[in-house]
Amino acid sequence: LFTMDIYKRLRPQAKERELLIVGRVWILLLVGISIAWIPVVQVAQGGQ
């Protein structure tokens, strides 16, 4: 999603090699944001 629908719109001239690397780097960023959200998950909906 990020590579084809967001990054490709921002850099239409991006080559295939760049898109593949960006897809991998985005995964790492996504992981960091998700870890920060874990405390919210822990207590939401009465712990269920």
ModelCIF file with pLDDT and N, C-alpha, C, O atoms, coordinates in Angstrom:
data_MODEL
#
_entry.id   MODEL 
#
_entity.id                         1 
_entity.type                       polymer 
_entity.pdbx_number_of_molecules   1 
#
_entity_poly.entity_id                      1 
_entity_poly.type                           'polypeptide(L)' 
_entity_poly.nstd_linkage                   no 
_entity_poly.nstd_monomer                   no 
_entity_poly.pdbx_seq_one_letter_code       LFTMDIYKRLRPQAKERELLIVGRVWILLLVGISIAWIPVVQVAQGGQ 
_entity_poly.pdbx_seq_one_letter_code_can   LFTMDIYKRLRPQAKERELLIVGRVWILLLVGISIAWIPVVQVAQGGQ 
_entity_poly.pdbx_strand_id                 A 
#
loop_
_entity_poly_seq.entity_id 
_entity_poly_seq.num 
_entity_poly_seq.mon_id 
_entity_poly_seq.hetero 
1 1  LEU n 
1 2  PHE n 
1 3  THR n 
1 4  MET n 
1 5  ASP n 
1 6  ILE n 
1 7  TYR n 
1 8  LYS n 
1 9  ARG n 
1 10 LEU n 
1 11 ARG n 
1 12 PRO n 
1 13 GLN n 
1 14 ALA n 
1 15 LYS n 
1 16 GLU n 
1 17 ARG n 
1 18 GLU n 
1 19 LEU n 
1 20 LEU n 
1 21 ILE n 
1 22 VAL n 
1 23 GLY n 
1 24 ARG n 
1 25 VAL n 
1 26 TRP n 
1 27 ILE n 
1 28 LEU n 
1 29 LEU n 
1 30 LEU n 
1 31 VAL n 
1 32 GLY n 
1 33 ILE n 
1 34 SER n 
1 35 ILE n 
1 36 ALA n 
1 37 TRP n 
1 38 ILE n 
1 39 PRO n 
1 40 VAL n 
1 41 VAL n 
1 42 GLN n 
1 43 VAL n 
1 44 ALA n 
1 45 GLN n 
1 46 GLY n 
1 47 GLY n 
1 48 GLN n 
#
_struct_asym.id          A 
_struct_asym.entity_id   1 
#
loop_
_ma_qa_metric.id 
_ma_qa_metric.mode 
_ma_qa_metric.name 
_ma_qa_metric.software_group_id 
_ma_qa_metric.type 
1 global pLDDT . pLDDT 
2 local  pLDDT . pLDDT 
#
_ma_qa_metric_global.metric_id      1 
_ma_qa_metric_global.metric_value   74.92 
_ma_qa_metric_global.model_id       1 
_ma_qa_metric_global.ordinal_id     1 
#
loop_
_ma_qa_metric_local.label_asym_id 
_ma_qa_metric_local.label_comp_id 
_ma_qa_metric_local.label_seq_id 
_ma_qa_metric_local.metric_id 
_ma_qa_metric_local.metric_value 
_ma_qa_metric_local.model_id 
_ma_qa_metric_local.ordinal_id 
A LEU 1  2 78.00 1 1  
A PHE 2  2 84.00 1 2  
A THR 3  2 82.00 1 3  
A MET 4  2 78.00 1 4  
A ASP 5  2 79.00 1 5  
A ILE 6  2 83.00 1 6  
A TYR 7  2 85.00 1 7  
A LYS 8  2 82.00 1 8  
A ARG 9  2 80.00 1 9  
A LEU 10 2 82.00 1 10 
A ARG 11 2 83.00 1 11 
A PRO 12 2 83.00 1 12 
A GLN 13 2 83.00 1 13 
A ALA 14 2 79.00 1 14 
A LYS 15 2 80.00 1 15 
A GLU 16 2 75.00 1 16 
A ARG 17 2 78.00 1 17 
A GLU 18 2 82.00 1 18 
A LEU 19 2 80.00 1 19 
A LEU 20 2 75.00 1 20 
A ILE 21 2 81.00 1 21 
A VAL 22 2 82.00 1 22 
A GLY 23 2 78.00 1 23 
A ARG 24 2 74.00 1 24 
A VAL 25 2 81.00 1 25 
A TRP 26 2 82.00 1 26 
A ILE 27 2 77.00 1 27 
A LEU 28 2 77.00 1 28 
A LEU 29 2 81.00 1 29 
A LEU 30 2 77.00 1 30 
A VAL 31 2 75.00 1 31 
A GLY 32 2 77.00 1 32 
A ILE 33 2 77.00 1 33 
A SER 34 2 74.00 1 34 
A ILE 35 2 75.00 1 35 
A ALA 36 2 75.00 1 36 
A TRP 37 2 72.00 1 37 
A ILE 38 2 72.00 1 38 
A PRO 39 2 72.00 1 39 
A VAL 40 2 67.00 1 40 
A VAL 41 2 68.00 1 41 
A GLN 42 2 62.00 1 42 
A VAL 43 2 57.00 1 43 
A ALA 44 2 59.00 1 44 
A GLN 45 2 48.00 1 45 
A GLY 46 2 50.00 1 46 
A GLY 47 2 51.00 1 47 
A GLN 48 2 64.00 1 48 
#
loop_
_atom_site.group_PDB 
_atom_site.id 
_atom_site.type_symbol 
_atom_site.label_atom_id 
_atom_site.label_alt_id 
_atom_site.label_comp_id 
_atom_site.label_asym_id 
_atom_site.label_entity_id 
_atom_site.label_seq_id 
_atom_site.pdbx_PDB_ins_code 
_atom_site.Cartn_x 
_atom_site.Cartn_y 
_atom_site.Cartn_z 
_atom_site.occupancy 
_atom_site.B_iso_or_equiv 
_atom_site.pdbx_formal_charge 
_atom_site.auth_seq_id 
_atom_site.auth_comp_id 
_atom_site.auth_asym_id 
_atom_site.auth_atom_id 
_atom_site.pdbx_PDB_model_num 
ATOM 1   N N  . LEU A 1 1  ? 0.819   -1.211 0.000   1.00 78.00 ? 1  LEU A N  1 
ATOM 2   C CA . LEU A 1 1  ? 0.000   0.000  0.000   1.00 78.00 ? 1  LEU A CA 1 
ATOM 3   C C  . LEU A 1 1  ? 0.850   1.258  0.000   1.00 78.00 ? 1  LEU A C  1 
ATOM 4   O O  . LEU A 1 1  ? 0.634   2.165  -0.804  1.00 78.00 ? 1  LEU A O  1 
ATOM 5   N N  . PHE A 1 2  ? 1.814   1.309  0.901   1.00 84.00 ? 2  PHE A N  1 
ATOM 6   C CA . PHE A 1 2  ? 2.616   2.521  1.016   1.00 84.00 ? 2  PHE A CA 1 
ATOM 7   C C  . PHE A 1 2  ? 3.433   2.763  -0.248  1.00 84.00 ? 2  PHE A C  1 
ATOM 8   O O  . PHE A 1 2  ? 3.517   3.891  -0.734  1.00 84.00 ? 2  PHE A O  1 
ATOM 9   N N  . THR A 1 3  ? 4.031   1.709  -0.774  1.00 82.00 ? 3  THR A N  1 
ATOM 10  C CA . THR A 1 3  ? 4.908   1.860  -1.930  1.00 82.00 ? 3  THR A CA 1 
ATOM 11  C C  . THR A 1 3  ? 4.137   2.272  -3.174  1.00 82.00 ? 3  THR A C  1 
ATOM 12  O O  . THR A 1 3  ? 4.520   3.219  -3.862  1.00 82.00 ? 3  THR A O  1 
ATOM 13  N N  . MET A 1 4  ? 3.046   1.560  -3.465  1.00 78.00 ? 4  MET A N  1 
ATOM 14  C CA . MET A 1 4  ? 2.343   1.762  -4.726  1.00 78.00 ? 4  MET A CA 1 
ATOM 15  C C  . MET A 1 4  ? 1.368   2.932  -4.701  1.00 78.00 ? 4  MET A C  1 
ATOM 16  O O  . MET A 1 4  ? 1.164   3.591  -5.721  1.00 78.00 ? 4  MET A O  1 
ATOM 17  N N  . ASP A 1 5  ? 0.764   3.196  -3.541  1.00 79.00 ? 5  ASP A N  1 
ATOM 18  C CA . ASP A 1 5  ? -0.308  4.183  -3.506  1.00 79.00 ? 5  ASP A CA 1 
ATOM 19  C C  . ASP A 1 5  ? 0.078   5.504  -2.859  1.00 79.00 ? 5  ASP A C  1 
ATOM 20  O O  . ASP A 1 5  ? -0.636  6.493  -3.027  1.00 79.00 ? 5  ASP A O  1 
ATOM 21  N N  . ILE A 1 6  ? 1.178   5.551  -2.130  1.00 83.00 ? 6  ILE A N  1 
ATOM 22  C CA . ILE A 1 6  ? 1.593   6.805  -1.505  1.00 83.00 ? 6  ILE A CA 1 
ATOM 23  C C  . ILE A 1 6  ? 2.945   7.256  -2.048  1.00 83.00 ? 6  ILE A C  1 
ATOM 24  O O  . ILE A 1 6  ? 3.061   8.346  -2.609  1.00 83.00 ? 6  ILE A O  1 
ATOM 25  N N  . TYR A 1 7  ? 3.974   6.412  -1.882  1.00 85.00 ? 7  TYR A N  1 
ATOM 26  C CA . TYR A 1 7  ? 5.316   6.809  -2.298  1.00 85.00 ? 7  TYR A CA 1 
ATOM 27  C C  . TYR A 1 7  ? 5.387   7.017  -3.810  1.00 85.00 ? 7  TYR A C  1 
ATOM 28  O O  . TYR A 1 7  ? 6.030   7.959  -4.276  1.00 85.00 ? 7  TYR A O  1 
ATOM 29  N N  . LYS A 1 8  ? 4.736   6.152  -4.573  1.00 82.00 ? 8  LYS A N  1 
ATOM 30  C CA . LYS A 1 8  ? 4.758   6.280  -6.035  1.00 82.00 ? 8  LYS A CA 1 
ATOM 31  C C  . LYS A 1 8  ? 4.080   7.569  -6.491  1.00 82.00 ? 8  LYS A C  1 
ATOM 32  O O  . LYS A 1 8  ? 4.438   8.132  -7.525  1.00 82.00 ? 8  LYS A O  1 
ATOM 33  N N  . ARG A 1 9  ? 3.091   8.038  -5.707  1.00 80.00 ? 9  ARG A N  1 
ATOM 34  C CA . ARG A 1 9  ? 2.455   9.323  -6.027  1.00 80.00 ? 9  ARG A CA 1 
ATOM 35  C C  . ARG A 1 9  ? 3.401   10.484 -5.727  1.00 80.00 ? 9  ARG A C  1 
ATOM 36  O O  . ARG A 1 9  ? 3.426   11.478 -6.453  1.00 80.00 ? 9  ARG A O  1 
ATOM 37  N N  . LEU A 1 10 ? 4.182   10.349 -4.648  1.00 82.00 ? 10 LEU A N  1 
ATOM 38  C CA . LEU A 1 10 ? 5.103   11.420 -4.272  1.00 82.00 ? 10 LEU A CA 1 
ATOM 39  C C  . LEU A 1 10 ? 6.312   11.466 -5.201  1.00 82.00 ? 10 LEU A C  1 
ATOM 40  O O  . LEU A 1 10 ? 6.826   12.540 -5.515  1.00 82.00 ? 10 LEU A O  1 
ATOM 41  N N  . ARG A 1 11 ? 6.769   10.272 -5.644  1.00 83.00 ? 11 ARG A N  1 
ATOM 42  C CA . ARG A 1 11 ? 7.923   10.203 -6.544  1.00 83.00 ? 11 ARG A CA 1 
ATOM 43  C C  . ARG A 1 11 ? 7.569   9.347  -7.756  1.00 83.00 ? 11 ARG A C  1 
ATOM 44  O O  . ARG A 1 11 ? 7.949   8.179  -7.830  1.00 83.00 ? 11 ARG A O  1 
ATOM 45  N N  . PRO A 1 12 ? 6.840   9.934  -8.709  1.00 83.00 ? 12 PRO A N  1 
ATOM 46  C CA . PRO A 1 12 ? 6.430   9.147  -9.881  1.00 83.00 ? 12 PRO A CA 1 
ATOM 47  C C  . PRO A 1 12 ? 7.605   8.659  -10.717 1.00 83.00 ? 12 PRO A C  1 
ATOM 48  O O  . PRO A 1 12 ? 7.469   7.715  -11.494 1.00 83.00 ? 12 PRO A O  1 
ATOM 49  N N  . GLN A 1 13 ? 8.775   9.309  -10.556 1.00 83.00 ? 13 GLN A N  1 
ATOM 50  C CA . GLN A 1 13 ? 9.937   8.891  -11.324 1.00 83.00 ? 13 GLN A CA 1 
ATOM 51  C C  . GLN A 1 13 ? 10.726  7.779  -10.636 1.00 83.00 ? 13 GLN A C  1 
ATOM 52  O O  . GLN A 1 13 ? 11.737  7.326  -11.173 1.00 83.00 ? 13 GLN A O  1 
ATOM 53  N N  . ALA A 1 14 ? 10.290  7.336  -9.474  1.00 79.00 ? 14 ALA A N  1 
ATOM 54  C CA . ALA A 1 14 ? 11.026  6.306  -8.721  1.00 79.00 ? 14 ALA A CA 1 
ATOM 55  C C  . ALA A 1 14 ? 11.139  5.022  -9.527  1.00 79.00 ? 14 ALA A C  1 
ATOM 56  O O  . ALA A 1 14 ? 10.164  4.568  -10.126 1.00 79.00 ? 14 ALA A O  1 
ATOM 57  N N  . LYS A 1 15 ? 12.346  4.434  -9.538  1.00 80.00 ? 15 LYS A N  1 
ATOM 58  C CA . LYS A 1 15 ? 12.573  3.188  -10.253 1.00 80.00 ? 15 LYS A CA 1 
ATOM 59  C C  . LYS A 1 15 ? 12.172  1.997  -9.384  1.00 80.00 ? 15 LYS A C  1 
ATOM 60  O O  . LYS A 1 15 ? 11.926  2.133  -8.185  1.00 80.00 ? 15 LYS A O  1 
ATOM 61  N N  . GLU A 1 16 ? 12.114  0.836  -10.017 1.00 75.00 ? 16 GLU A N  1 
ATOM 62  C CA . GLU A 1 16 ? 11.673  -0.373 -9.318  1.00 75.00 ? 16 GLU A CA 1 
ATOM 63  C C  . GLU A 1 16 ? 12.559  -0.693 -8.119  1.00 75.00 ? 16 GLU A C  1 
ATOM 64  O O  . GLU A 1 16 ? 12.054  -1.068 -7.061  1.00 75.00 ? 16 GLU A O  1 
ATOM 65  N N  . ARG A 1 17 ? 13.859  -0.549 -8.271  1.00 78.00 ? 17 ARG A N  1 
ATOM 66  C CA . ARG A 1 17 ? 14.792  -0.833 -7.175  1.00 78.00 ? 17 ARG A CA 1 
ATOM 67  C C  . ARG A 1 17 ? 14.483  0.035  -5.953  1.00 78.00 ? 17 ARG A C  1 
ATOM 68  O O  . ARG A 1 17 ? 14.492  -0.441 -4.818  1.00 78.00 ? 17 ARG A O  1 
ATOM 69  N N  . GLU A 1 18 ? 14.208  1.317  -6.209  1.00 82.00 ? 18 GLU A N  1 
ATOM 70  C CA . GLU A 1 18 ? 13.890  2.235  -5.121  1.00 82.00 ? 18 GLU A CA 1 
ATOM 71  C C  . GLU A 1 18 ? 12.584  1.850  -4.438  1.00 82.00 ? 18 GLU A C  1 
ATOM 72  O O  . GLU A 1 18 ? 12.485  1.906  -3.212  1.00 82.00 ? 18 GLU A O  1 
ATOM 73  N N  . LEU A 1 19 ? 11.583  1.459  -5.221  1.00 80.00 ? 19 LEU A N  1 
ATOM 74  C CA . LEU A 1 19 ? 10.296  1.072  -4.636  1.00 80.00 ? 19 LEU A CA 1 
ATOM 75  C C  . LEU A 1 19 ? 10.426  -0.148 -3.738  1.00 80.00 ? 19 LEU A C  1 
ATOM 76  O O  . LEU A 1 19 ? 9.808   -0.205 -2.675  1.00 80.00 ? 19 LEU A O  1 
ATOM 77  N N  . LEU A 1 20 ? 11.218  -1.114 -4.152  1.00 75.00 ? 20 LEU A N  1 
ATOM 78  C CA . LEU A 1 20 ? 11.392  -2.319 -3.348  1.00 75.00 ? 20 LEU A CA 1 
ATOM 79  C C  . LEU A 1 20 ? 12.078  -2.011 -2.019  1.00 75.00 ? 20 LEU A C  1 
ATOM 80  O O  . LEU A 1 20 ? 11.695  -2.557 -0.984  1.00 75.00 ? 20 LEU A O  1 
ATOM 81  N N  . ILE A 1 21 ? 13.080  -1.151 -2.039  1.00 81.00 ? 21 ILE A N  1 
ATOM 82  C CA . ILE A 1 21 ? 13.777  -0.776 -0.803  1.00 81.00 ? 21 ILE A CA 1 
ATOM 83  C C  . ILE A 1 21 ? 12.850  0.024  0.108   1.00 81.00 ? 21 ILE A C  1 
ATOM 84  O O  . ILE A 1 21 ? 12.831  -0.193 1.319   1.00 81.00 ? 21 ILE A O  1 
ATOM 85  N N  . VAL A 1 22 ? 12.083  0.947  -0.470  1.00 82.00 ? 22 VAL A N  1 
ATOM 86  C CA . VAL A 1 22 ? 11.159  1.760  0.321   1.00 82.00 ? 22 VAL A CA 1 
ATOM 87  C C  . VAL A 1 22 ? 10.128  0.874  1.017   1.00 82.00 ? 22 VAL A C  1 
ATOM 88  O O  . VAL A 1 22 ? 9.769   1.123  2.168   1.00 82.00 ? 22 VAL A O  1 
ATOM 89  N N  . GLY A 1 23 ? 9.651   -0.164 0.317   1.00 78.00 ? 23 GLY A N  1 
ATOM 90  C CA . GLY A 1 23 ? 8.683   -1.069 0.928   1.00 78.00 ? 23 GLY A CA 1 
ATOM 91  C C  . GLY A 1 23 ? 9.228   -1.721 2.182   1.00 78.00 ? 23 GLY A C  1 
ATOM 92  O O  . GLY A 1 23 ? 8.505   -1.869 3.168   1.00 78.00 ? 23 GLY A O  1 
ATOM 93  N N  . ARG A 1 24 ? 10.512  -2.118 2.159   1.00 74.00 ? 24 ARG A N  1 
ATOM 94  C CA . ARG A 1 24 ? 11.135  -2.744 3.338   1.00 74.00 ? 24 ARG A CA 1 
ATOM 95  C C  . ARG A 1 24 ? 11.345  -1.741 4.472   1.00 74.00 ? 24 ARG A C  1 
ATOM 96  O O  . ARG A 1 24 ? 11.109  -2.051 5.640   1.00 74.00 ? 24 ARG A O  1 
ATOM 97  N N  . VAL A 1 25 ? 11.794  -0.526 4.112   1.00 81.00 ? 25 VAL A N  1 
ATOM 98  C CA . VAL A 1 25 ? 12.049  0.489  5.140   1.00 81.00 ? 25 VAL A CA 1 
ATOM 99  C C  . VAL A 1 25 ? 10.742  0.896  5.829   1.00 81.00 ? 25 VAL A C  1 
ATOM 100 O O  . VAL A 1 25 ? 10.718  1.135  7.036   1.00 81.00 ? 25 VAL A O  1 
ATOM 101 N N  . TRP A 1 26 ? 9.673   0.972  5.063   1.00 82.00 ? 26 TRP A N  1 
ATOM 102 C CA . TRP A 1 26 ? 8.385   1.349  5.639   1.00 82.00 ? 26 TRP A CA 1 
ATOM 103 C C  . TRP A 1 26 ? 7.955   0.358  6.720   1.00 82.00 ? 26 TRP A C  1 
ATOM 104 O O  . TRP A 1 26 ? 7.362   0.755  7.723   1.00 82.00 ? 26 TRP A O  1 
ATOM 105 N N  . ILE A 1 27 ? 8.247   -0.913 6.524   1.00 77.00 ? 27 ILE A N  1 
ATOM 106 C CA . ILE A 1 27 ? 7.897   -1.929 7.517   1.00 77.00 ? 27 ILE A CA 1 
ATOM 107 C C  . ILE A 1 27 ? 8.516   -1.590 8.871   1.00 77.00 ? 27 ILE A C  1 
ATOM 108 O O  . ILE A 1 27 ? 7.862   -1.716 9.907   1.00 77.00 ? 27 ILE A O  1 
ATOM 109 N N  . LEU A 1 28 ? 9.773   -1.161 8.861   1.00 77.00 ? 28 LEU A N  1 
ATOM 110 C CA . LEU A 1 28 ? 10.459  -0.844 10.113  1.00 77.00 ? 28 LEU A CA 1 
ATOM 111 C C  . LEU A 1 28 ? 9.798   0.344  10.811  1.00 77.00 ? 28 LEU A C  1 
ATOM 112 O O  . LEU A 1 28 ? 9.652   0.340  12.034  1.00 77.00 ? 28 LEU A O  1 
ATOM 113 N N  . LEU A 1 29 ? 9.403   1.345  10.054  1.00 81.00 ? 29 LEU A N  1 
ATOM 114 C CA . LEU A 1 29 ? 8.736   2.505  10.643  1.00 81.00 ? 29 LEU A CA 1 
ATOM 115 C C  . LEU A 1 29 ? 7.383   2.111  11.225  1.00 81.00 ? 29 LEU A C  1 
ATOM 116 O O  . LEU A 1 29 ? 7.006   2.572  12.302  1.00 81.00 ? 29 LEU A O  1 
ATOM 117 N N  . LEU A 1 30 ? 6.666   1.267  10.517  1.00 77.00 ? 30 LEU A N  1 
ATOM 118 C CA . LEU A 1 30 ? 5.357   0.811  10.970  1.00 77.00 ? 30 LEU A CA 1 
ATOM 119 C C  . LEU A 1 30 ? 5.459   0.065  12.298  1.00 77.00 ? 30 LEU A C  1 
ATOM 120 O O  . LEU A 1 30 ? 4.610   0.221  13.176  1.00 77.00 ? 30 LEU A O  1 
ATOM 121 N N  . VAL A 1 31 ? 6.492   -0.733 12.430  1.00 75.00 ? 31 VAL A N  1 
ATOM 122 C CA . VAL A 1 31 ? 6.715   -1.489 13.661  1.00 75.00 ? 31 VAL A CA 1 
ATOM 123 C C  . VAL A 1 31 ? 6.917   -0.549 14.842  1.00 75.00 ? 31 VAL A C  1 
ATOM 124 O O  . VAL A 1 31 ? 6.355   -0.771 15.914  1.00 75.00 ? 31 VAL A O  1 
ATOM 125 N N  . GLY A 1 32 ? 7.719   0.505  14.655  1.00 77.00 ? 32 GLY A N  1 
ATOM 126 C CA . GLY A 1 32 ? 7.977   1.439  15.744  1.00 77.00 ? 32 GLY A CA 1 
ATOM 127 C C  . GLY A 1 32 ? 6.713   2.129  16.232  1.00 77.00 ? 32 GLY A C  1 
ATOM 128 O O  . GLY A 1 32 ? 6.501   2.266  17.436  1.00 77.00 ? 32 GLY A O  1 
ATOM 129 N N  . ILE A 1 33 ? 5.872   2.564  15.298  1.00 77.00 ? 33 ILE A N  1 
ATOM 130 C CA . ILE A 1 33 ? 4.615   3.214  15.677  1.00 77.00 ? 33 ILE A CA 1 
ATOM 131 C C  . ILE A 1 33 ? 3.713   2.243  16.425  1.00 77.00 ? 33 ILE A C  1 
ATOM 132 O O  . ILE A 1 33 ? 3.074   2.621  17.407  1.00 77.00 ? 33 ILE A O  1 
ATOM 133 N N  . SER A 1 34 ? 3.656   1.000  15.972  1.00 74.00 ? 34 SER A N  1 
ATOM 134 C CA . SER A 1 34 ? 2.781   0.001  16.588  1.00 74.00 ? 34 SER A CA 1 
ATOM 135 C C  . SER A 1 34 ? 3.215   -0.322 18.010  1.00 74.00 ? 34 SER A C  1 
ATOM 136 O O  . SER A 1 34 ? 2.369   -0.506 18.884  1.00 74.00 ? 34 SER A O  1 
ATOM 137 N N  . ILE A 1 35 ? 4.513   -0.392 18.254  1.00 75.00 ? 35 ILE A N  1 
ATOM 138 C CA . ILE A 1 35 ? 5.002   -0.652 19.616  1.00 75.00 ? 35 ILE A CA 1 
ATOM 139 C C  . ILE A 1 35 ? 4.544   0.465  20.557  1.00 75.00 ? 35 ILE A C  1 
ATOM 140 O O  . ILE A 1 35 ? 4.161   0.202  21.697  1.00 75.00 ? 35 ILE A O  1 
ATOM 141 N N  . ALA A 1 36 ? 4.585   1.699  20.081  1.00 75.00 ? 36 ALA A N  1 
ATOM 142 C CA . ALA A 1 36 ? 4.163   2.828  20.914  1.00 75.00 ? 36 ALA A CA 1 
ATOM 143 C C  . ALA A 1 36 ? 2.675   2.764  21.248  1.00 75.00 ? 36 ALA A C  1 
ATOM 144 O O  . ALA A 1 36 ? 2.244   3.353  22.239  1.00 75.00 ? 36 ALA A O  1 
ATOM 145 N N  . TRP A 1 37 ? 1.875   2.052  20.430  1.00 72.00 ? 37 TRP A N  1 
ATOM 146 C CA . TRP A 1 37 ? 0.429   1.964  20.643  1.00 72.00 ? 37 TRP A CA 1 
ATOM 147 C C  . TRP A 1 37 ? 0.051   0.824  21.597  1.00 72.00 ? 37 TRP A C  1 
ATOM 148 O O  . TRP A 1 37 ? -1.097  0.758  22.036  1.00 72.00 ? 37 TRP A O  1 
ATOM 149 N N  . ILE A 1 38 ? 0.971   -0.056 21.922  1.00 72.00 ? 38 ILE A N  1 
ATOM 150 C CA . ILE A 1 38 ? 0.661   -1.226 22.746  1.00 72.00 ? 38 ILE A CA 1 
ATOM 151 C C  . ILE A 1 38 ? 0.046   -0.869 24.096  1.00 72.00 ? 38 ILE A C  1 
ATOM 152 O O  . ILE A 1 38 ? -0.907  -1.538 24.496  1.00 72.00 ? 38 ILE A O  1 
ATOM 153 N N  . PRO A 1 39 ? 0.530   0.150  24.834  1.00 72.00 ? 39 PRO A N  1 
ATOM 154 C CA . PRO A 1 39 ? -0.102  0.473  26.123  1.00 72.00 ? 39 PRO A CA 1 
ATOM 155 C C  . PRO A 1 39 ? -1.592  0.781  26.010  1.00 72.00 ? 39 PRO A C  1 
ATOM 156 O O  . PRO A 1 39 ? -2.351  0.493  26.936  1.00 72.00 ? 39 PRO A O  1 
ATOM 157 N N  . VAL A 1 40 ? -2.028  1.367  24.881  1.00 67.00 ? 40 VAL A N  1 
ATOM 158 C CA . VAL A 1 40 ? -3.448  1.645  24.681  1.00 67.00 ? 40 VAL A CA 1 
ATOM 159 C C  . VAL A 1 40 ? -4.214  0.342  24.519  1.00 67.00 ? 40 VAL A C  1 
ATOM 160 O O  . VAL A 1 40 ? -5.292  0.178  25.090  1.00 67.00 ? 40 VAL A O  1 
ATOM 161 N N  . VAL A 1 41 ? -3.668  -0.577 23.751  1.00 68.00 ? 41 VAL A N  1 
ATOM 162 C CA . VAL A 1 41 ? -4.314  -1.874 23.541  1.00 68.00 ? 41 VAL A CA 1 
ATOM 163 C C  . VAL A 1 41 ? -4.470  -2.620 24.863  1.00 68.00 ? 41 VAL A C  1 
ATOM 164 O O  . VAL A 1 41 ? -5.467  -3.310 25.076  1.00 68.00 ? 41 VAL A O  1 
ATOM 165 N N  . GLN A 1 42 ? -3.499  -2.482 25.738  1.00 62.00 ? 42 GLN A N  1 
ATOM 166 C CA . GLN A 1 42 ? -3.460  -3.252 26.982  1.00 62.00 ? 42 GLN A CA 1 
ATOM 167 C C  . GLN A 1 42 ? -4.652  -2.978 27.884  1.00 62.00 ? 42 GLN A C  1 
ATOM 168 O O  . GLN A 1 42 ? -5.110  -3.882 28.583  1.00 62.00 ? 42 GLN A O  1 
ATOM 169 N N  . VAL A 1 43 ? -5.160  -1.765 27.887  1.00 57.00 ? 43 VAL A N  1 
ATOM 170 C CA . VAL A 1 43 ? -6.231  -1.399 28.818  1.00 57.00 ? 43 VAL A CA 1 
ATOM 171 C C  . VAL A 1 43 ? -7.568  -1.138 28.127  1.00 57.00 ? 43 VAL A C  1 
ATOM 172 O O  . VAL A 1 43 ? -8.560  -0.880 28.809  1.00 57.00 ? 43 VAL A O  1 
ATOM 173 N N  . ALA A 1 44 ? -7.624  -1.195 26.810  1.00 59.00 ? 44 ALA A N  1 
ATOM 174 C CA . ALA A 1 44 ? -8.851  -0.860 26.092  1.00 59.00 ? 44 ALA A CA 1 
ATOM 175 C C  . ALA A 1 44 ? -9.921  -1.918 26.289  1.00 59.00 ? 44 ALA A C  1 
ATOM 176 O O  . ALA A 1 44 ? -9.618  -3.090 26.509  1.00 59.00 ? 44 ALA A O  1 
ATOM 177 N N  . GLN A 1 45 ? -11.187 -1.491 26.206  1.00 48.00 ? 45 GLN A N  1 
ATOM 178 C CA . GLN A 1 45 ? -12.354 -2.374 26.294  1.00 48.00 ? 45 GLN A CA 1 
ATOM 179 C C  . GLN A 1 45 ? -12.300 -3.303 27.509  1.00 48.00 ? 45 GLN A C  1 
ATOM 180 O O  . GLN A 1 45 ? -12.562 -4.501 27.397  1.00 48.00 ? 45 GLN A O  1 
ATOM 181 N N  . GLY A 1 46 ? -11.961 -2.744 28.659  1.00 50.00 ? 46 GLY A N  1 
ATOM 182 C CA . GLY A 1 46 ? -11.958 -3.522 29.885  1.00 50.00 ? 46 GLY A CA 1 
ATOM 183 C C  . GLY A 1 46 ? -10.983 -4.667 29.863  1.00 50.00 ? 46 GLY A C  1 
ATOM 184 O O  . GLY A 1 46 ? -11.172 -5.664 30.560  1.00 50.00 ? 46 GLY A O  1 
ATOM 185 N N  . GLY A 1 47 ? -9.934  -4.537 29.063  1.00 51.00 ? 47 GLY A N  1 
ATOM 186 C CA . GLY A 1 47 ? -8.927  -5.587 29.002  1.00 51.00 ? 47 GLY A CA 1 
ATOM 187 C C  . GLY A 1 47 ? -9.296  -6.746 28.108  1.00 51.00 ? 47 GLY A C  1 
ATOM 188 O O  . GLY A 1 47 ? -8.545  -7.720 28.048  1.00 51.00 ? 47 GLY A O  1 
ATOM 189 N N  . GLN A 1 48 ? -10.426 -6.689 27.402  1.00 64.00 ? 48 GLN A N  1 
ATOM 190 C CA . GLN A 1 48 ? -10.829 -7.774 26.506  1.00 64.00 ? 48 GLN A CA 1 
ATOM 191 C C  . GLN A 1 48 ? -10.366 -7.432 25.088  1.00 64.00 ? 48 GLN A C  1 
ATOM 192 O O  . GLN A 1 48 ? -10.596 -8.207 24.159  1.00 64.00 ? 48 GLN A O  1 
#
